N, C-alpha and C. Protein backbone atom coordinates (compact mmCIF):
# COMPACT_ATOMS: atom_id res chain seq x y z
N MET A 1 112.01 95.31 94.12
CA MET A 1 113.17 96.03 94.59
C MET A 1 112.92 96.39 96.05
N ARG A 2 113.55 95.65 96.92
CA ARG A 2 113.43 95.93 98.35
C ARG A 2 114.72 96.56 98.83
N PHE A 3 114.60 97.48 99.77
CA PHE A 3 115.78 98.20 100.24
C PHE A 3 116.65 97.32 101.11
N GLY A 4 116.09 96.70 102.13
CA GLY A 4 116.88 95.90 103.07
C GLY A 4 116.66 94.42 102.84
N SER A 5 117.03 93.92 101.69
CA SER A 5 116.77 92.52 101.37
C SER A 5 117.70 91.58 102.12
N GLY A 6 118.83 92.06 102.63
CA GLY A 6 119.75 91.23 103.38
C GLY A 6 120.71 90.44 102.52
N LYS A 7 120.61 90.56 101.20
CA LYS A 7 121.52 89.84 100.33
C LYS A 7 122.86 90.58 100.25
N LYS A 8 123.91 89.81 100.14
CA LYS A 8 125.23 90.41 99.97
C LYS A 8 125.47 90.78 98.50
N ASP A 9 124.93 89.98 97.59
CA ASP A 9 125.07 90.27 96.17
C ASP A 9 123.89 91.11 95.71
N VAL A 10 124.13 92.41 95.61
CA VAL A 10 123.08 93.31 95.16
C VAL A 10 123.37 93.65 93.71
N ASP A 11 122.32 93.64 92.92
CA ASP A 11 122.44 93.95 91.50
C ASP A 11 122.98 95.38 91.32
N PRO A 12 124.01 95.57 90.48
CA PRO A 12 124.53 96.92 90.25
C PRO A 12 123.49 97.89 89.72
N LYS A 13 122.52 97.39 88.94
CA LYS A 13 121.46 98.27 88.44
C LYS A 13 120.61 98.79 89.60
N GLU A 14 120.37 97.91 90.58
CA GLU A 14 119.59 98.35 91.73
C GLU A 14 120.34 99.41 92.53
N ARG A 15 121.64 99.23 92.66
CA ARG A 15 122.45 100.26 93.34
C ARG A 15 122.42 101.57 92.58
N ALA A 16 122.45 101.50 91.26
CA ALA A 16 122.41 102.71 90.45
C ALA A 16 121.07 103.43 90.62
N ILE A 17 119.99 102.65 90.71
CA ILE A 17 118.67 103.25 90.92
C ILE A 17 118.64 103.99 92.24
N TRP A 18 119.10 103.33 93.31
CA TRP A 18 119.08 103.97 94.62
C TRP A 18 120.01 105.18 94.65
N GLY A 19 121.14 105.11 93.96
CA GLY A 19 122.03 106.25 93.90
C GLY A 19 121.40 107.45 93.20
N ASP A 20 120.71 107.19 92.10
CA ASP A 20 120.02 108.27 91.40
C ASP A 20 118.95 108.90 92.27
N LEU A 21 118.17 108.07 92.95
CA LEU A 21 117.09 108.59 93.78
C LEU A 21 117.62 109.39 94.97
N MET A 22 118.70 108.91 95.59
CA MET A 22 119.25 109.65 96.73
C MET A 22 119.93 110.94 96.28
N ALA A 23 120.50 110.94 95.09
CA ALA A 23 121.13 112.16 94.58
C ALA A 23 120.10 113.26 94.35
N LEU A 24 118.88 112.87 93.98
CA LEU A 24 117.83 113.88 93.77
C LEU A 24 117.56 114.66 95.04
N GLY A 25 117.66 114.00 96.19
CA GLY A 25 117.43 114.68 97.46
C GLY A 25 118.45 115.76 97.74
N MET A 26 119.62 115.66 97.13
CA MET A 26 120.64 116.68 97.32
C MET A 26 120.65 117.71 96.20
N VAL A 27 120.27 117.29 95.00
CA VAL A 27 120.33 118.18 93.84
C VAL A 27 119.36 119.33 93.98
N PHE A 28 118.12 119.05 94.42
CA PHE A 28 117.12 120.11 94.51
C PHE A 28 117.56 121.25 95.42
N PRO A 29 117.88 121.01 96.70
CA PRO A 29 118.25 122.15 97.55
C PRO A 29 119.55 122.84 97.12
N ILE A 30 120.51 122.06 96.64
CA ILE A 30 121.77 122.68 96.21
C ILE A 30 121.56 123.56 94.98
N ALA A 31 120.78 123.07 94.01
CA ALA A 31 120.53 123.86 92.80
C ALA A 31 119.77 125.14 93.12
N ILE A 32 118.78 125.05 94.01
CA ILE A 32 117.99 126.23 94.35
C ILE A 32 118.83 127.23 95.13
N ALA A 33 119.60 126.75 96.11
CA ALA A 33 120.44 127.66 96.90
C ALA A 33 121.53 128.29 96.03
N LEU A 34 122.15 127.50 95.19
CA LEU A 34 123.20 128.04 94.31
C LEU A 34 122.63 129.07 93.35
N GLY A 35 121.46 128.77 92.78
CA GLY A 35 120.82 129.74 91.89
C GLY A 35 120.47 131.02 92.61
N PHE A 36 119.96 130.91 93.83
CA PHE A 36 119.59 132.09 94.62
C PHE A 36 120.80 132.99 94.88
N PHE A 37 121.87 132.40 95.42
CA PHE A 37 123.03 133.21 95.78
C PHE A 37 123.79 133.71 94.56
N LEU A 38 123.87 132.89 93.53
CA LEU A 38 124.53 133.34 92.31
C LEU A 38 123.74 134.46 91.65
N GLY A 39 122.41 134.32 91.66
CA GLY A 39 121.56 135.38 91.11
C GLY A 39 121.66 136.67 91.90
N ARG A 40 121.73 136.54 93.23
CA ARG A 40 121.87 137.74 94.06
C ARG A 40 123.20 138.43 93.79
N TRP A 41 124.25 137.65 93.62
CA TRP A 41 125.57 138.21 93.37
C TRP A 41 125.61 138.92 92.00
N VAL A 42 125.10 138.24 90.97
CA VAL A 42 125.10 138.84 89.63
C VAL A 42 124.17 140.06 89.61
N GLY A 43 123.01 139.94 90.26
CA GLY A 43 122.10 141.07 90.32
C GLY A 43 122.71 142.26 91.06
N GLY A 44 123.51 141.99 92.10
CA GLY A 44 124.18 143.06 92.81
C GLY A 44 125.21 143.75 91.94
N LEU A 45 125.89 142.98 91.11
CA LEU A 45 126.85 143.58 90.19
C LEU A 45 126.17 144.48 89.17
N LEU A 46 124.95 144.08 88.77
CA LEU A 46 124.22 144.85 87.77
C LEU A 46 123.32 145.93 88.40
N GLY A 47 123.26 145.96 89.74
CA GLY A 47 122.48 146.98 90.42
C GLY A 47 121.05 146.59 90.74
N HIS A 48 120.69 145.32 90.53
CA HIS A 48 119.32 144.86 90.81
C HIS A 48 119.37 143.50 91.52
N PRO A 49 119.75 143.48 92.81
CA PRO A 49 119.90 142.18 93.49
C PRO A 49 118.59 141.41 93.65
N ARG A 50 117.46 142.11 93.82
CA ARG A 50 116.19 141.39 93.99
C ARG A 50 115.77 140.68 92.71
N ILE A 51 115.96 141.33 91.59
CA ILE A 51 115.64 140.69 90.31
C ILE A 51 116.58 139.50 90.09
N GLY A 52 117.83 139.68 90.44
CA GLY A 52 118.79 138.58 90.31
C GLY A 52 118.43 137.40 91.19
N MET A 53 117.94 137.66 92.42
CA MET A 53 117.52 136.56 93.29
C MET A 53 116.35 135.81 92.68
N GLY A 54 115.39 136.54 92.14
CA GLY A 54 114.23 135.88 91.53
C GLY A 54 114.61 135.03 90.33
N VAL A 55 115.44 135.59 89.48
CA VAL A 55 115.90 134.85 88.30
C VAL A 55 116.71 133.64 88.73
N GLY A 56 117.56 133.82 89.74
CA GLY A 56 118.37 132.71 90.23
C GLY A 56 117.53 131.61 90.84
N LEU A 57 116.49 131.97 91.58
CA LEU A 57 115.59 130.96 92.16
C LEU A 57 114.89 130.17 91.06
N VAL A 58 114.39 130.85 90.06
CA VAL A 58 113.71 130.16 88.96
C VAL A 58 114.69 129.25 88.22
N TRP A 59 115.89 129.75 87.99
CA TRP A 59 116.91 128.96 87.31
C TRP A 59 117.28 127.72 88.13
N GLY A 60 117.44 127.89 89.44
CA GLY A 60 117.77 126.76 90.31
C GLY A 60 116.67 125.72 90.35
N ALA A 61 115.41 126.17 90.44
CA ALA A 61 114.30 125.23 90.45
C ALA A 61 114.19 124.51 89.11
N ALA A 62 114.39 125.23 88.02
CA ALA A 62 114.34 124.60 86.70
C ALA A 62 115.45 123.56 86.56
N THR A 63 116.62 123.86 87.10
CA THR A 63 117.72 122.91 87.06
C THR A 63 117.39 121.65 87.86
N GLY A 64 116.77 121.82 89.03
CA GLY A 64 116.36 120.67 89.83
C GLY A 64 115.34 119.81 89.12
N PHE A 65 114.35 120.44 88.49
CA PHE A 65 113.35 119.68 87.76
C PHE A 65 113.92 119.03 86.51
N TRP A 66 114.91 119.66 85.88
CA TRP A 66 115.56 119.06 84.73
C TRP A 66 116.29 117.78 85.15
N GLU A 67 116.95 117.82 86.30
CA GLU A 67 117.62 116.63 86.81
C GLU A 67 116.61 115.54 87.14
N LEU A 68 115.47 115.91 87.70
CA LEU A 68 114.40 114.95 87.97
C LEU A 68 113.93 114.30 86.67
N TYR A 69 113.77 115.09 85.62
CA TYR A 69 113.37 114.56 84.32
C TYR A 69 114.41 113.57 83.79
N LYS A 70 115.69 113.94 83.87
CA LYS A 70 116.73 113.06 83.36
C LYS A 70 116.77 111.73 84.12
N VAL A 71 116.61 111.78 85.44
CA VAL A 71 116.61 110.56 86.23
C VAL A 71 115.40 109.71 85.88
N THR A 72 114.25 110.34 85.69
CA THR A 72 113.03 109.60 85.33
C THR A 72 113.20 108.90 83.99
N VAL A 73 113.77 109.58 83.00
CA VAL A 73 114.00 108.97 81.70
C VAL A 73 114.98 107.81 81.83
N ARG A 74 116.04 108.00 82.61
CA ARG A 74 117.03 106.94 82.80
C ARG A 74 116.41 105.72 83.48
N LEU A 75 115.56 105.94 84.49
CA LEU A 75 114.91 104.83 85.17
C LEU A 75 113.92 104.12 84.25
N ASN A 76 113.22 104.87 83.41
CA ASN A 76 112.30 104.24 82.46
C ASN A 76 113.06 103.39 81.45
N ARG A 77 114.22 103.84 81.02
CA ARG A 77 115.03 103.03 80.10
C ARG A 77 115.49 101.76 80.77
N MET A 78 115.94 101.87 82.03
CA MET A 78 116.39 100.68 82.75
C MET A 78 115.23 99.72 82.97
N ASP A 79 114.05 100.23 83.24
CA ASP A 79 112.88 99.40 83.45
C ASP A 79 112.45 98.74 82.14
N GLY A 80 112.59 99.45 81.05
CA GLY A 80 112.18 98.93 79.75
C GLY A 80 113.15 97.90 79.18
N ASP A 81 114.39 97.86 79.68
CA ASP A 81 115.37 96.90 79.16
C ASP A 81 114.96 95.46 79.45
N GLY A 82 114.37 95.22 80.59
CA GLY A 82 114.02 93.86 80.96
C GLY A 82 112.68 93.41 80.43
N LYS A 83 111.90 94.30 79.89
CA LYS A 83 110.56 93.96 79.43
C LYS A 83 110.48 94.03 77.91
N GLY A 84 109.74 93.14 77.33
CA GLY A 84 109.53 93.17 75.89
C GLY A 84 108.31 94.01 75.57
N GLY A 85 108.50 95.19 75.08
CA GLY A 85 107.39 96.08 74.77
C GLY A 85 106.70 95.62 73.50
N ASP A 86 105.45 96.05 73.34
CA ASP A 86 104.70 95.68 72.15
C ASP A 86 104.83 96.74 71.05
N GLY A 87 105.66 97.73 71.26
CA GLY A 87 105.89 98.74 70.23
C GLY A 87 104.85 99.83 70.21
N GLY A 88 104.11 99.99 71.32
CA GLY A 88 103.10 101.02 71.35
C GLY A 88 101.83 100.54 70.68
N GLY A 89 100.77 101.20 70.90
CA GLY A 89 99.50 100.76 70.33
C GLY A 89 98.60 100.23 71.41
N SER A 90 97.35 100.02 71.07
CA SER A 90 96.39 99.59 72.07
C SER A 90 96.10 98.11 71.89
N GLY A 91 96.93 97.30 72.48
CA GLY A 91 96.79 95.87 72.31
C GLY A 91 96.27 95.18 73.54
N GLY A 92 95.04 95.45 73.94
CA GLY A 92 94.42 94.73 75.04
C GLY A 92 94.91 95.17 76.39
N GLY A 93 94.54 94.40 77.39
CA GLY A 93 94.90 94.74 78.76
C GLY A 93 95.91 93.79 79.34
N ASP A 94 96.12 93.89 80.64
CA ASP A 94 97.09 93.05 81.32
C ASP A 94 96.44 91.81 81.93
N GLY A 95 95.16 91.66 81.78
CA GLY A 95 94.44 90.55 82.39
C GLY A 95 94.69 89.25 81.65
N PRO A 96 94.26 88.13 82.25
CA PRO A 96 94.43 86.83 81.59
C PRO A 96 93.48 86.68 80.42
N GLY A 97 93.91 85.89 79.48
CA GLY A 97 93.00 85.57 78.41
C GLY A 97 93.26 86.26 77.19
């Protein structure tokens, strides 16, 4: 999978992979910032804005890592579609012979 291969016909799966990876670069900061400000707002309503900011930051970071997990699982499924797995187990190495 090369980024600038110069081909006009790019596999849609490859475009989906690059789209997922580029979306992660936006999801992390947006989730953290949204969690921070939303937590500060809710904490202010309840009278504890600092606690709300902390909870919001943790929630935003957890959301970002959850999205990273989902993308990783999706990419592993796409990678596994083209390969014939042996069904798990310890069946030798990748070397010849």
